[in-house]
Amino acid sequence: MPKRIEMKGRDLEGLVFLGKLKSVNVEYCDEKKKYARVVGVLLDGDEVSTECIPIRAAGKISTVIKHYLRLGVGKYILTEASGNLRHTDTEPEEDDSQPSG
């Protein structure tokens, strides 16, 4: 089994928002099934996981990430700027205090 990168649950959620996470699963850490880790598979096939945390917390993190994946939140990240974008605060402003004419 290849070495997994260990990170916090919020960092796994960040990977979803960046569009880097493909799937997520929960693995038990002990025989009593009181602790588990959330394991995510990245788009390039590498695996990342959380440390062993209480099963309830792992389940919540997994559920939230699965909902994010189903919603496709990673597809809303802007990766390239198009020529149609402009900053409205840098456009020349009309001065209403000066009389026109």
PDB file of N, CA and C in Angstrom:
ATOM      1  N   MET A   1       0.845  -1.182   0.000  1.00  0.00           N
ATOM      2  CA  MET A   1       0.000   0.000   0.000  1.00  0.00           C
ATOM      3  C   MET A   1       0.892   1.248   0.000  1.00  0.00           C
ATOM      4  N   PRO A   2       0.661   2.177  -0.929  1.00  0.00           N
ATOM      5  CA  PRO A   2       1.484   3.385  -0.972  1.00  0.00           C
ATOM      6  C   PRO A   2       1.220   4.290   0.229  1.00  0.00           C
ATOM      7  N   LYS A   3       2.194   5.096   0.563  1.00  0.00           N
ATOM      8  CA  LYS A   3       2.068   6.022   1.693  1.00  0.00           C
ATOM      9  C   LYS A   3       1.037   7.093   1.369  1.00  0.00           C
ATOM     10  N   ARG A   4       0.126   7.301   2.296  1.00  0.00           N
ATOM     11  CA  ARG A   4      -0.895   8.331   2.136  1.00  0.00           C
ATOM     12  C   ARG A   4      -0.429   9.632   2.766  1.00  0.00           C
ATOM     13  N   ILE A   5      -0.838  10.718   2.175  1.00  0.00           N
ATOM     14  CA  ILE A   5      -0.582  12.028   2.754  1.00  0.00           C
ATOM     15  C   ILE A   5      -1.638  12.256   3.830  1.00  0.00           C
ATOM     16  N   GLU A   6      -1.197  12.582   5.044  1.00  0.00           N
ATOM     17  CA  GLU A   6      -2.131  12.780   6.152  1.00  0.00           C
ATOM     18  C   GLU A   6      -2.424  14.262   6.319  1.00  0.00           C
ATOM     19  N   MET A   7      -3.699  14.596   6.455  1.00  0.00           N
ATOM     20  CA  MET A   7      -4.106  15.990   6.609  1.00  0.00           C
ATOM     21  C   MET A   7      -5.364  16.085   7.457  1.00  0.00           C
ATOM     22  N   LYS A   8      -5.769  17.289   7.751  1.00  0.00           N
ATOM     23  CA  LYS A   8      -6.984  17.536   8.533  1.00  0.00           C
ATOM     24  C   LYS A   8      -8.210  17.428   7.633  1.00  0.00           C
ATOM     25  N   GLY A   9      -9.374  17.233   8.246  1.00  0.00           N
ATOM     26  CA  GLY A   9     -10.620  17.130   7.499  1.00  0.00           C
ATOM     27  C   GLY A   9     -10.930  18.380   6.696  1.00  0.00           C
ATOM     28  N   ARG A  10     -10.647  19.547   7.275  1.00  0.00           N
ATOM     29  CA  ARG A  10     -10.922  20.799   6.561  1.00  0.00           C
ATOM     30  C   ARG A  10     -10.033  20.943   5.334  1.00  0.00           C
ATOM     31  N   ASP A  11      -8.828  20.350   5.382  1.00  0.00           N
ATOM     32  CA  ASP A  11      -7.947  20.384   4.220  1.00  0.00           C
ATOM     33  C   ASP A  11      -8.477  19.486   3.107  1.00  0.00           C
ATOM     34  N   LEU A  12      -9.081  18.354   3.485  1.00  0.00           N
ATOM     35  CA  LEU A  12      -9.727  17.495   2.488  1.00  0.00           C
ATOM     36  C   LEU A  12     -10.876  18.242   1.818  1.00  0.00           C
ATOM     37  N   GLU A  13     -11.646  18.984   2.602  1.00  0.00           N
ATOM     38  CA  GLU A  13     -12.733  19.768   2.025  1.00  0.00           C
ATOM     39  C   GLU A  13     -12.181  20.828   1.078  1.00  0.00           C
ATOM     40  N   GLY A  14     -11.042  21.392   1.413  1.00  0.00           N
ATOM     41  CA  GLY A  14     -10.405  22.369   0.527  1.00  0.00           C
ATOM     42  C   GLY A  14     -10.028  21.760  -0.813  1.00  0.00           C
ATOM     43  N   LEU A  15      -9.586  20.504  -0.794  1.00  0.00           N
ATOM     44  CA  LEU A  15      -9.255  19.825  -2.048  1.00  0.00           C
ATOM     45  C   LEU A  15     -10.485  19.661  -2.933  1.00  0.00           C
ATOM     46  N   VAL A  16     -11.643  19.471  -2.314  1.00  0.00           N
ATOM     47  CA  VAL A  16     -12.882  19.367  -3.095  1.00  0.00           C
ATOM     48  C   VAL A  16     -13.162  20.694  -3.791  1.00  0.00           C
ATOM     49  N   PHE A  17     -13.021  21.791  -3.059  1.00  0.00           N
ATOM     50  CA  PHE A  17     -13.293  23.102  -3.642  1.00  0.00           C
ATOM     51  C   PHE A  17     -12.311  23.443  -4.756  1.00  0.00           C
ATOM     52  N   LEU A  18     -11.104  22.923  -4.676  1.00  0.00           N
ATOM     53  CA  LEU A  18     -10.123  23.154  -5.735  1.00  0.00           C
ATOM     54  C   LEU A  18     -10.308  22.206  -6.913  1.00  0.00           C
ATOM     55  N   GLY A  19     -11.220  21.253  -6.779  1.00  0.00           N
ATOM     56  CA  GLY A  19     -11.486  20.317  -7.866  1.00  0.00           C
ATOM     57  C   GLY A  19     -10.452  19.220  -7.987  1.00  0.00           C
ATOM     58  N   LYS A  20      -9.741  18.906  -6.907  1.00  0.00           N
ATOM     59  CA  LYS A  20      -8.661  17.915  -6.945  1.00  0.00           C
ATOM     60  C   LYS A  20      -9.068  16.543  -6.420  1.00  0.00           C
ATOM     61  N   LEU A  21     -10.189  16.435  -5.722  1.00  0.00           N
ATOM     62  CA  LEU A  21     -10.597  15.180  -5.086  1.00  0.00           C
ATOM     63  C   LEU A  21     -11.633  14.465  -5.950  1.00  0.00           C
ATOM     64  N   LYS A  22     -11.407  13.161  -6.165  1.00  0.00           N
ATOM     65  CA  LYS A  22     -12.299  12.372  -7.015  1.00  0.00           C
ATOM     66  C   LYS A  22     -13.336  11.607  -6.197  1.00  0.00           C
ATOM     67  N   SER A  23     -12.920  10.986  -5.099  1.00  0.00           N
ATOM     68  CA  SER A  23     -13.845  10.208  -4.279  1.00  0.00           C
ATOM     69  C   SER A  23     -13.357  10.183  -2.835  1.00  0.00           C
ATOM     70  N   VAL A  24     -14.244   9.737  -1.944  1.00  0.00           N
ATOM     71  CA  VAL A  24     -13.918   9.702  -0.519  1.00  0.00           C
ATOM     72  C   VAL A  24     -14.549   8.458   0.096  1.00  0.00           C
ATOM     73  N   ASN A  25     -13.891   7.930   1.134  1.00  0.00           N
ATOM     74  CA  ASN A  25     -14.365   6.736   1.817  1.00  0.00           C
ATOM     75  C   ASN A  25     -13.938   6.804   3.281  1.00  0.00           C
ATOM     76  N   VAL A  26     -14.511   5.949   4.112  1.00  0.00           N
ATOM     77  CA  VAL A  26     -14.160   5.883   5.535  1.00  0.00           C
ATOM     78  C   VAL A  26     -13.580   4.512   5.833  1.00  0.00           C
ATOM     79  N   GLU A  27     -12.440   4.480   6.546  1.00  0.00           N
ATOM     80  CA  GLU A  27     -11.808   3.222   6.969  1.00  0.00           C
ATOM     81  C   GLU A  27     -11.725   3.200   8.485  1.00  0.00           C
ATOM     82  N   TYR A  28     -12.028   2.055   9.076  1.00  0.00           N
ATOM     83  CA  TYR A  28     -11.924   1.907  10.527  1.00  0.00           C
ATOM     84  C   TYR A  28     -10.463   1.789  10.934  1.00  0.00           C
ATOM     85  N   CYS A  29     -10.157   2.337  12.113  1.00  0.00           N
ATOM     86  CA  CYS A  29      -8.788   2.296  12.631  1.00  0.00           C
ATOM     87  C   CYS A  29      -8.587   1.206  13.677  1.00  0.00           C
ATOM     88  N   ASP A  30      -9.650   0.753  14.318  1.00  0.00           N
ATOM     89  CA  ASP A  30      -9.507  -0.245  15.373  1.00  0.00           C
ATOM     90  C   ASP A  30     -10.620  -1.284  15.272  1.00  0.00           C
ATOM     91  N   GLU A  31     -10.449  -2.365  16.004  1.00  0.00           N
ATOM     92  CA  GLU A  31     -11.412  -3.471  15.974  1.00  0.00           C
ATOM     93  C   GLU A  31     -12.764  -3.088  16.574  1.00  0.00           C
ATOM     94  N   LYS A  32     -12.767  -2.195  17.551  1.00  0.00           N
ATOM     95  CA  LYS A  32     -14.013  -1.797  18.209  1.00  0.00           C
ATOM     96  C   LYS A  32     -14.819  -0.806  17.376  1.00  0.00           C
ATOM     97  N   LYS A  33     -14.256  -0.342  16.299  1.00  0.00           N
ATOM     98  CA  LYS A  33     -14.900   0.601  15.370  1.00  0.00           C
ATOM     99  C   LYS A  33     -15.324   1.894  16.063  1.00  0.00           C
ATOM    100  N   LYS A  34     -14.440   2.381  16.938  1.00  0.00           N
ATOM    101  CA  LYS A  34     -14.692   3.660  17.595  1.00  0.00           C
ATOM    102  C   LYS A  34     -13.955   4.794  16.895  1.00  0.00           C
ATOM    103  N   TYR A  35     -12.896   4.455  16.171  1.00  0.00           N
ATOM    104  CA  TYR A  35     -12.108   5.455  15.455  1.00  0.00           C
ATOM    105  C   TYR A  35     -12.011   5.072  13.986  1.00  0.00           C
ATOM    106  N   ALA A  36     -11.982   6.111  13.147  1.00  0.00           N
ATOM    107  CA  ALA A  36     -11.895   5.876  11.705  1.00  0.00           C
ATOM    108  C   ALA A  36     -11.111   7.015  11.068  1.00  0.00           C
ATOM    109  N   ARG A  37     -10.743   6.815   9.825  1.00  0.00           N
ATOM    110  CA  ARG A  37     -10.081   7.868   9.058  1.00  0.00           C
ATOM    111  C   ARG A  37     -10.841   8.044   7.752  1.00  0.00           C
ATOM    112  N   VAL A  38     -10.840   9.267   7.261  1.00  0.00           N
ATOM    113  CA  VAL A  38     -11.455   9.580   5.974  1.00  0.00           C
ATOM    114  C   VAL A  38     -10.354   9.496   4.927  1.00  0.00           C
ATOM    115  N   VAL A  39     -10.582   8.692   3.898  1.00  0.00           N
ATOM    116  CA  VAL A  39      -9.594   8.491   2.838  1.00  0.00           C
ATOM    117  C   VAL A  39     -10.154   9.066   1.545  1.00  0.00           C
ATOM    118  N   GLY A  40      -9.383   9.940   0.922  1.00  0.00           N
ATOM    119  CA  GLY A  40      -9.786  10.535  -0.345  1.00  0.00           C
ATOM    120  C   GLY A  40      -8.831  10.137  -1.451  1.00  0.00           C
ATOM    121  N   VAL A  41      -9.372   9.997  -2.657  1.00  0.00           N
ATOM    122  CA  VAL A  41      -8.563   9.683  -3.835  1.00  0.00           C
ATOM    123  C   VAL A  41      -8.513  10.933  -4.701  1.00  0.00           C
ATOM    124  N   LEU A  42      -7.294  11.370  -5.013  1.00  0.00           N
ATOM    125  CA  LEU A  42      -7.113  12.546  -5.850  1.00  0.00           C
ATOM    126  C   LEU A  42      -7.292  12.195  -7.320  1.00  0.00           C
ATOM    127  N   LEU A  43      -7.394  13.195  -8.162  1.00  0.00           N
ATOM    128  CA  LEU A  43      -7.575  12.976  -9.595  1.00  0.00           C
ATOM    129  C   LEU A  43      -6.410  12.221 -10.219  1.00  0.00           C
ATOM    130  N   ASP A  44      -5.210  12.391  -9.673  1.00  0.00           N
ATOM    131  CA  ASP A  44      -4.034  11.699 -10.218  1.00  0.00           C
ATOM    132  C   ASP A  44      -3.835  10.308  -9.620  1.00  0.00           C
ATOM    133  N   GLY A  45      -4.764   9.857  -8.755  1.00  0.00           N
ATOM    134  CA  GLY A  45      -4.705   8.511  -8.195  1.00  0.00           C
ATOM    135  C   GLY A  45      -4.064   8.417  -6.830  1.00  0.00           C
ATOM    136  N   ASP A  46      -3.392   9.465  -6.368  1.00  0.00           N
ATOM    137  CA  ASP A  46      -2.800   9.451  -5.031  1.00  0.00           C
ATOM    138  C   ASP A  46      -3.904   9.457  -3.979  1.00  0.00           C
ATOM    139  N   GLU A  47      -3.563   8.943  -2.793  1.00  0.00           N
ATOM    140  CA  GLU A  47      -4.525   8.902  -1.696  1.00  0.00           C
ATOM    141  C   GLU A  47      -4.097   9.841  -0.581  1.00  0.00           C
ATOM    142  N   VAL A  48      -5.079  10.499   0.006  1.00  0.00           N
ATOM    143  CA  VAL A  48      -4.864  11.347   1.176  1.00  0.00           C
ATOM    144  C   VAL A  48      -5.829  10.873   2.255  1.00  0.00           C
ATOM    145  N   SER A  49      -5.472  11.086   3.513  1.00  0.00           N
ATOM    146  CA  SER A  49      -6.354  10.646   4.592  1.00  0.00           C
ATOM    147  C   SER A  49      -6.209  11.555   5.800  1.00  0.00           C
ATOM    148  N   THR A  50      -7.197  11.470   6.675  1.00  0.00           N
ATOM    149  CA  THR A  50      -7.113  12.160   7.952  1.00  0.00           C
ATOM    150  C   THR A  50      -6.424  11.224   8.941  1.00  0.00           C
ATOM    151  N   GLU A  51      -6.095  11.746  10.098  1.00  0.00           N
ATOM    152  CA  GLU A  51      -5.615  10.874  11.167  1.00  0.00           C
ATOM    153  C   GLU A  51      -6.817  10.128  11.722  1.00  0.00           C
ATOM    154  N   CYS A  52      -6.595   9.200  12.626  1.00  0.00           N
ATOM    155  CA  CYS A  52      -7.705   8.462  13.232  1.00  0.00           C
ATOM    156  C   CYS A  52      -8.481   9.403  14.154  1.00  0.00           C
ATOM    157  N   ILE A  53      -9.757   9.561  13.858  1.00  0.00           N
ATOM    158  CA  ILE A  53     -10.628  10.454  14.607  1.00  0.00           C
ATOM    159  C   ILE A  53     -11.878   9.663  15.003  1.00  0.00           C
ATOM    160  N   PRO A  54     -12.669  10.159  15.959  1.00  0.00           N
ATOM    161  CA  PRO A  54     -13.894   9.438  16.328  1.00  0.00           C
ATOM    162  C   PRO A  54     -14.782   9.178  15.103  1.00  0.00           C
ATOM    163  N   ILE A  55     -15.431   8.025  15.094  1.00  0.00           N
ATOM    164  CA  ILE A  55     -16.202   7.574  13.935  1.00  0.00           C
ATOM    165  C   ILE A  55     -17.276   8.579  13.540  1.00  0.00           C
ATOM    166  N   ARG A  56     -17.884   9.220  14.527  1.00  0.00           N
ATOM    167  CA  ARG A  56     -18.938  10.196  14.220  1.00  0.00           C
ATOM    168  C   ARG A  56     -18.387  11.382  13.430  1.00  0.00           C
ATOM    169  N   ALA A  57     -17.220  11.879  13.816  1.00  0.00           N
ATOM    170  CA  ALA A  57     -16.602  12.998  13.102  1.00  0.00           C
ATOM    171  C   ALA A  57     -16.198  12.583  11.690  1.00  0.00           C
ATOM    172  N   ALA A  58     -15.641  11.382  11.557  1.00  0.00           N
ATOM    173  CA  ALA A  58     -15.239  10.893  10.235  1.00  0.00           C
ATOM    174  C   ALA A  58     -16.452  10.752   9.323  1.00  0.00           C
ATOM    175  N   GLY A  59     -17.553  10.283   9.877  1.00  0.00           N
ATOM    176  CA  GLY A  59     -18.774  10.151   9.088  1.00  0.00           C
ATOM    177  C   GLY A  59     -19.302  11.487   8.611  1.00  0.00           C
ATOM    178  N   LYS A  60     -19.251  12.487   9.482  1.00  0.00           N
ATOM    179  CA  LYS A  60     -19.726  13.820   9.105  1.00  0.00           C
ATOM    180  C   LYS A  60     -18.857  14.419   8.007  1.00  0.00           C
ATOM    181  N   ILE A  61     -17.539  14.308   8.153  1.00  0.00           N
ATOM    182  CA  ILE A  61     -16.629  14.841   7.137  1.00  0.00           C
ATOM    183  C   ILE A  61     -16.868  14.148   5.804  1.00  0.00           C
ATOM    184  N   SER A  62     -16.991  12.832   5.840  1.00  0.00           N
ATOM    185  CA  SER A  62     -17.225  12.058   4.624  1.00  0.00           C
ATOM    186  C   SER A  62     -18.536  12.460   3.951  1.00  0.00           C
ATOM    187  N   THR A  63     -19.585  12.632   4.736  1.00  0.00           N
ATOM    188  CA  THR A  63     -20.890  13.005   4.187  1.00  0.00           C
ATOM    189  C   THR A  63     -20.843  14.380   3.534  1.00  0.00           C
ATOM    190  N   VAL A  64     -20.217  15.333   4.199  1.00  0.00           N
ATOM    191  CA  VAL A  64     -20.115  16.686   3.644  1.00  0.00           C
ATOM    192  C   VAL A  64     -19.338  16.665   2.331  1.00  0.00           C
ATOM    193  N   ILE A  65     -18.219  15.952   2.302  1.00  0.00           N
ATOM    194  CA  ILE A  65     -17.411  15.889   1.085  1.00  0.00           C
ATOM    195  C   ILE A  65     -18.186  15.213  -0.044  1.00  0.00           C
ATOM    196  N   LYS A  66     -18.926  14.156   0.273  1.00  0.00           N
ATOM    197  CA  LYS A  66     -19.717  13.478  -0.767  1.00  0.00           C
ATOM    198  C   LYS A  66     -20.780  14.408  -1.343  1.00  0.00           C
ATOM    199  N   HIS A  67     -21.387  15.224  -0.494  1.00  0.00           N
ATOM    200  CA  HIS A  67     -22.366  16.194  -0.993  1.00  0.00           C
ATOM    201  C   HIS A  67     -21.691  17.226  -1.893  1.00  0.00           C
ATOM    202  N   TYR A  68     -20.527  17.711  -1.486  1.00  0.00           N
ATOM    203  CA  TYR A  68     -19.788  18.666  -2.319  1.00  0.00           C
ATOM    204  C   TYR A  68     -19.441  18.052  -3.674  1.00  0.00           C
ATOM    205  N   LEU A  69     -18.992  16.798  -3.662  1.00  0.00           N
ATOM    206  CA  LEU A  69     -18.651  16.129  -4.921  1.00  0.00           C
ATOM    207  C   LEU A  69     -19.889  15.973  -5.803  1.00  0.00           C
ATOM    208  N   ARG A  70     -21.001  15.619  -5.204  1.00  0.00           N
ATOM    209  CA  ARG A  70     -22.241  15.451  -5.966  1.00  0.00           C
ATOM    210  C   ARG A  70     -22.699  16.781  -6.566  1.00  0.00           C
ATOM    211  N   LEU A  71     -22.514  17.868  -5.818  1.00  0.00           N
ATOM    212  CA  LEU A  71     -22.891  19.190  -6.316  1.00  0.00           C
ATOM    213  C   LEU A  71     -21.918  19.709  -7.371  1.00  0.00           C
ATOM    214  N   GLY A  72     -20.720  19.151  -7.406  1.00  0.00           N
ATOM    215  CA  GLY A  72     -19.724  19.581  -8.384  1.00  0.00           C
ATOM    216  C   GLY A  72     -19.124  20.939  -8.081  1.00  0.00           C
ATOM    217  N   VAL A  73     -18.883  21.230  -6.799  1.00  0.00           N
ATOM    218  CA  VAL A  73     -18.373  22.552  -6.434  1.00  0.00           C
ATOM    219  C   VAL A  73     -16.986  22.824  -7.010  1.00  0.00           C
ATOM    220  N   GLY A  74     -16.226  21.796  -7.317  1.00  0.00           N
ATOM    221  CA  GLY A  74     -14.897  21.997  -7.884  1.00  0.00           C
ATOM    222  C   GLY A  74     -14.913  22.535  -9.294  1.00  0.00           C
ATOM    223  N   LYS A  75     -16.058  22.483  -9.951  1.00  0.00           N
ATOM    224  CA  LYS A  75     -16.166  22.974 -11.326  1.00  0.00           C
ATOM    225  C   LYS A  75     -16.380  24.476 -11.388  1.00  0.00           C
ATOM    226  N   TYR A  76     -16.619  25.109 -10.244  1.00  0.00           N
ATOM    227  CA  TYR A  76     -16.893  26.537 -10.230  1.00  0.00           C
ATOM    228  C   TYR A  76     -15.652  27.388  -9.981  1.00  0.00           C
ATOM    229  N   ILE A  77     -14.500  26.774  -9.882  1.00  0.00           N
ATOM    230  CA  ILE A  77     -13.263  27.515  -9.662  1.00  0.00           C
ATOM    231  C   ILE A  77     -12.827  28.147 -10.979  1.00  0.00           C
ATOM    232  N   LEU A  78     -12.496  29.446 -10.952  1.00  0.00           N
ATOM    233  CA  LEU A  78     -11.988  30.108 -12.150  1.00  0.00           C
ATOM    234  C   LEU A  78     -10.531  29.711 -12.348  1.00  0.00           C
ATOM    235  N   THR A  79     -10.222  29.138 -13.484  1.00  0.00           N
ATOM    236  CA  THR A  79      -8.850  28.722 -13.738  1.00  0.00           C
ATOM    237  C   THR A  79      -8.149  29.630 -14.730  1.00  0.00           C
ATOM    238  N   GLU A  80      -8.891  30.233 -15.650  1.00  0.00           N
ATOM    239  CA  GLU A  80      -8.298  31.145 -16.621  1.00  0.00           C
ATOM    240  C   GLU A  80      -9.165  32.391 -16.701  1.00  0.00           C
ATOM    241  N   ALA A  81      -8.517  33.535 -16.806  1.00  0.00           N
ATOM    242  CA  ALA A  81      -9.266  34.777 -16.939  1.00  0.00           C
ATOM    243  C   ALA A  81      -9.563  35.018 -18.415  1.00  0.00           C
ATOM    244  N   SER A  82     -10.803  35.348 -18.701  1.00  0.00           N
ATOM    245  CA  SER A  82     -11.158  35.651 -20.085  1.00  0.00           C
ATOM    246  C   SER A  82     -11.001  37.143 -20.329  1.00  0.00           C
ATOM    247  N   GLY A  83     -11.025  37.541 -21.583  1.00  0.00           N
ATOM    248  CA  GLY A  83     -10.858  38.947 -21.935  1.00  0.00           C
ATOM    249  C   GLY A  83     -12.064  39.796 -21.584  1.00  0.00           C
ATOM    250  N   ASN A  84     -13.182  39.182 -21.233  1.00  0.00           N
ATOM    251  CA  ASN A  84     -14.393  39.936 -20.931  1.00  0.00           C
ATOM    252  C   ASN A  84     -14.451  40.431 -19.495  1.00  0.00           C
ATOM    253  N   LEU A  85     -13.523  40.007 -18.667  1.00  0.00           N
ATOM    254  CA  LEU A  85     -13.531  40.437 -17.270  1.00  0.00           C
ATOM    255  C   LEU A  85     -12.899  41.809 -17.141  1.00  0.00           C
ATOM    256  N   ARG A  86     -13.448  42.635 -16.270  1.00  0.00           N
ATOM    257  CA  ARG A  86     -12.842  43.935 -15.995  1.00  0.00           C
ATOM    258  C   ARG A  86     -13.155  44.332 -14.567  1.00  0.00           C
ATOM    259  N   HIS A  87     -12.341  45.192 -14.043  1.00  0.00           N
ATOM    260  CA  HIS A  87     -12.525  45.680 -12.681  1.00  0.00           C
ATOM    261  C   HIS A  87     -13.350  46.956 -12.749  1.00  0.00           C
ATOM    262  N   THR A  88     -14.495  46.946 -12.124  1.00  0.00           N
ATOM    263  CA  THR A  88     -15.359  48.124 -12.189  1.00  0.00           C
ATOM    264  C   THR A  88     -14.805  49.282 -11.374  1.00  0.00           C
ATOM    265  N   ASP A  89     -13.998  48.997 -10.371  1.00  0.00           N
ATOM    266  CA  ASP A  89     -13.466  50.079  -9.555  1.00  0.00           C
ATOM    267  C   ASP A  89     -12.312  50.808 -10.230  1.00  0.00           C
ATOM    268  N   THR A  90     -11.783  50.301 -11.336  1.00  0.00           N
ATOM    269  CA  THR A  90     -10.688  50.973 -12.031  1.00  0.00           C
ATOM    270  C   THR A  90     -11.163  51.687 -13.294  1.00  0.00           C
ATOM    271  N   GLU A  91     -12.445  51.572 -13.609  1.00  0.00           N
ATOM    272  CA  GLU A  91     -12.991  52.275 -14.769  1.00  0.00           C
ATOM    273  C   GLU A  91     -13.104  53.766 -14.441  1.00  0.00           C
ATOM    274  N   PRO A  92     -12.952  54.642 -15.441  1.00  0.00           N
ATOM    275  CA  PRO A  92     -13.110  56.081 -15.165  1.00  0.00           C
ATOM    276  C   PRO A  92     -14.536  56.376 -14.704  1.00  0.00           C
ATOM    277  N   GLU A  93     -14.629  57.224 -13.703  1.00  0.00           N
ATOM    278  CA  GLU A  93     -15.933  57.550 -13.137  1.00  0.00           C
ATOM    279  C   GLU A  93     -16.412  58.896 -13.656  1.00  0.00           C
ATOM    280  N   GLU A  94     -17.714  59.042 -13.726  1.00  0.00           N
ATOM    281  CA  GLU A  94     -18.284  60.333 -14.076  1.00  0.00           C
ATOM    282  C   GLU A  94     -18.372  61.171 -12.812  1.00  0.00           C
ATOM    283  N   ASP A  95     -18.014  62.425 -12.934  1.00  0.00           N
ATOM    284  CA  ASP A  95     -18.076  63.321 -11.788  1.00  0.00           C
ATOM    285  C   ASP A  95     -19.406  64.057 -11.834  1.00  0.00           C
ATOM    286  N   ASP A  96     -20.320  63.711 -10.947  1.00  0.00           N
ATOM    287  CA  ASP A  96     -21.650  64.310 -10.941  1.00  0.00           C
ATOM    288  C   ASP A  96     -21.654  65.717 -10.355  1.00  0.00           C
ATOM    289  N   SER A  97     -20.584  66.142  -9.717  1.00  0.00           N
ATOM    290  CA  SER A  97     -20.566  67.466  -9.102  1.00  0.00           C
ATOM    291  C   SER A  97     -20.306  68.564 -10.129  1.00  0.00           C
ATOM    292  N   GLN A  98     -19.740  68.229 -11.282  1.00  0.00           N
ATOM    293  CA  GLN A  98     -19.460  69.212 -12.331  1.00  0.00           C
ATOM    294  C   GLN A  98     -20.664  69.332 -13.260  1.00  0.00           C
ATOM    295  N   PRO A  99     -21.095  70.530 -13.557  1.00  0.00           N
ATOM    296  CA  PRO A  99     -22.196  70.682 -14.504  1.00  0.00           C
ATOM    297  C   PRO A  99     -21.733  70.305 -15.905  1.00  0.00           C
ATOM    298  N   SER A 100     -22.570  69.618 -16.611  1.00  0.00           N
ATOM    299  CA  SER A 100     -22.203  69.210 -17.962  1.00  0.00           C
ATOM    300  C   SER A 100     -22.597  70.298 -18.943  1.00  0.00           C
ATOM    301  N   GLY A 101     -21.833  70.448 -19.993  1.00  0.00           N
ATOM    302  CA  GLY A 101     -22.243  71.345 -21.044  1.00  0.00           C
ATOM    303  C   GLY A 101     -21.388  72.449 -21.246  1.00  0.00           C
TER     304      GLY A 101
END
